[in-house]
Amino acid sequence: MALELSERLETPRDIVRSKFNATSRWVRQQLAAVDHRLEKRRSRRILCDLTEDELRDVGLTRAQARAETAKSWFWS
């Protein structure tokens, strides 16, 4: 009795490879999320150091810049 490709049985190697791929995908997603949050933190720190003229160029007031830099770097 011949098996068709769609009926192929998974070998232990296939199962391990599938689980490894799923795990590595999850890790990459988590690292990307942390990297995104850290980039927001860096941007907010730079915003805090801008002069009044630079803030005016980007259309923000000092109070708005302070409010943005006061936000949590991780949750917002």
C-alpha atoms as a PDB file:
ATOM      1  CA  MET A   1       0.000   0.000   0.000  1.00  0.00           C
ATOM      2  CA  ALA A   2       1.657   3.234  -1.130  1.00  0.00           C
ATOM      3  CA  LEU A   3       1.248   6.457   0.824  1.00  0.00           C
ATOM      4  CA  GLU A   4       0.550   9.651  -1.022  1.00  0.00           C
ATOM      5  CA  LEU A   5       2.495  12.770  -0.108  1.00  0.00           C
ATOM      6  CA  SER A   6      -0.488  14.239   1.734  1.00  0.00           C
ATOM      7  CA  GLU A   7      -0.704  11.097   3.882  1.00  0.00           C
ATOM      8  CA  ARG A   8       2.983  11.011   4.767  1.00  0.00           C
ATOM      9  CA  LEU A   9       3.638  10.163   8.388  1.00  0.00           C
ATOM     10  CA  GLU A  10       5.586  12.665  10.436  1.00  0.00           C
ATOM     11  CA  THR A  11       8.908  11.435  11.676  1.00  0.00           C
ATOM     12  CA  PRO A  12      10.276  12.482  15.065  1.00  0.00           C
ATOM     13  CA  ARG A  13      12.699  14.765  13.213  1.00  0.00           C
ATOM     14  CA  ASP A  14       9.777  16.535  11.484  1.00  0.00           C
ATOM     15  CA  ILE A  15       7.985  16.994  14.796  1.00  0.00           C
ATOM     16  CA  VAL A  16      11.075  18.443  16.482  1.00  0.00           C
ATOM     17  CA  ARG A  17      11.761  20.728  13.526  1.00  0.00           C
ATOM     18  CA  SER A  18       8.175  21.988  13.599  1.00  0.00           C
ATOM     19  CA  LYS A  19       8.307  22.721  17.340  1.00  0.00           C
ATOM     20  CA  PHE A  20      11.706  24.395  16.975  1.00  0.00           C
ATOM     21  CA  ASN A  21      10.417  26.619  14.166  1.00  0.00           C
ATOM     22  CA  ALA A  22       7.384  27.632  16.203  1.00  0.00           C
ATOM     23  CA  THR A  23       9.530  28.402  19.244  1.00  0.00           C
ATOM     24  CA  SER A  24      12.092  30.390  17.275  1.00  0.00           C
ATOM     25  CA  ARG A  25       9.284  32.372  15.605  1.00  0.00           C
ATOM     26  CA  TRP A  26       7.849  33.229  19.039  1.00  0.00           C
ATOM     27  CA  VAL A  27      11.290  34.294  20.336  1.00  0.00           C
ATOM     28  CA  ARG A  28      11.857  36.523  17.300  1.00  0.00           C
ATOM     29  CA  GLN A  29       8.457  38.166  17.854  1.00  0.00           C
ATOM     30  CA  GLN A  30       9.235  38.828  21.517  1.00  0.00           C
ATOM     31  CA  LEU A  31      12.651  40.276  20.698  1.00  0.00           C
ATOM     32  CA  ALA A  32      11.102  42.519  18.039  1.00  0.00           C
ATOM     33  CA  ALA A  33       8.537  43.777  20.567  1.00  0.00           C
ATOM     34  CA  VAL A  34      11.229  44.596  23.135  1.00  0.00           C
ATOM     35  CA  ASP A  35      13.358  46.264  20.456  1.00  0.00           C
ATOM     36  CA  HIS A  36      10.374  48.401  19.426  1.00  0.00           C
ATOM     37  CA  ARG A  37       9.788  49.497  23.033  1.00  0.00           C
ATOM     38  CA  LEU A  38      13.456  50.344  23.521  1.00  0.00           C
ATOM     39  CA  GLU A  39      13.419  52.415  20.318  1.00  0.00           C
ATOM     40  CA  LYS A  40      10.437  54.366  21.694  1.00  0.00           C
ATOM     41  CA  ARG A  41      12.407  54.933  24.905  1.00  0.00           C
ATOM     42  CA  ARG A  42      15.411  56.240  22.957  1.00  0.00           C
ATOM     43  CA  SER A  43      13.185  58.547  20.917  1.00  0.00           C
ATOM     44  CA  ARG A  44      11.566  59.950  24.045  1.00  0.00           C
ATOM     45  CA  ARG A  45      14.954  60.623  25.631  1.00  0.00           C
ATOM     46  CA  ILE A  46      16.055  62.497  22.537  1.00  0.00           C
ATOM     47  CA  LEU A  47      12.784  64.463  22.590  1.00  0.00           C
ATOM     48  CA  CYS A  48      13.549  65.529  26.155  1.00  0.00           C
ATOM     49  CA  ASP A  49      16.874  67.036  25.048  1.00  0.00           C
ATOM     50  CA  LEU A  50      15.529  69.123  22.164  1.00  0.00           C
ATOM     51  CA  THR A  51      15.731  72.886  22.331  1.00  0.00           C
ATOM     52  CA  GLU A  52      12.676  75.145  22.113  1.00  0.00           C
ATOM     53  CA  ASP A  53      13.417  75.862  18.447  1.00  0.00           C
ATOM     54  CA  GLU A  54      13.733  72.164  17.617  1.00  0.00           C
ATOM     55  CA  LEU A  55      10.492  71.397  19.441  1.00  0.00           C
ATOM     56  CA  ARG A  56       8.754  74.150  17.517  1.00  0.00           C
ATOM     57  CA  ASP A  57      10.079  72.608  14.270  1.00  0.00           C
ATOM     58  CA  VAL A  58       8.372  69.293  15.078  1.00  0.00           C
ATOM     59  CA  GLY A  59       5.230  71.058  16.308  1.00  0.00           C
ATOM     60  CA  LEU A  60       5.448  70.338  20.036  1.00  0.00           C
ATOM     61  CA  THR A  61       5.527  72.465  23.146  1.00  0.00           C
ATOM     62  CA  ARG A  62       7.837  71.820  26.089  1.00  0.00           C
ATOM     63  CA  ALA A  63       4.818  70.602  28.110  1.00  0.00           C
ATOM     64  CA  GLN A  64       3.886  68.087  25.405  1.00  0.00           C
ATOM     65  CA  ALA A  65       7.480  66.859  25.232  1.00  0.00           C
ATOM     66  CA  ARG A  66       7.569  66.470  29.030  1.00  0.00           C
ATOM     67  CA  ALA A  67       4.290  64.549  28.981  1.00  0.00           C
ATOM     68  CA  GLU A  68       5.617  62.215  26.299  1.00  0.00           C
ATOM     69  CA  THR A  69       8.889  61.559  28.107  1.00  0.00           C
ATOM     70  CA  ALA A  70       7.007  60.835  31.333  1.00  0.00           C
ATOM     71  CA  LYS A  71       5.244  57.866  29.730  1.00  0.00           C
ATOM     72  CA  SER A  72       6.355  54.359  30.643  1.00  0.00           C
ATOM     73  CA  TRP A  73       8.989  53.092  28.229  1.00  0.00           C
ATOM     74  CA  PHE A  74       7.604  49.574  28.402  1.00  0.00           C
ATOM     75  CA  TRP A  75       3.804  49.824  28.403  1.00  0.00           C
ATOM     76  CA  SER A  76       3.024  52.722  26.141  1.00  0.00           C
END
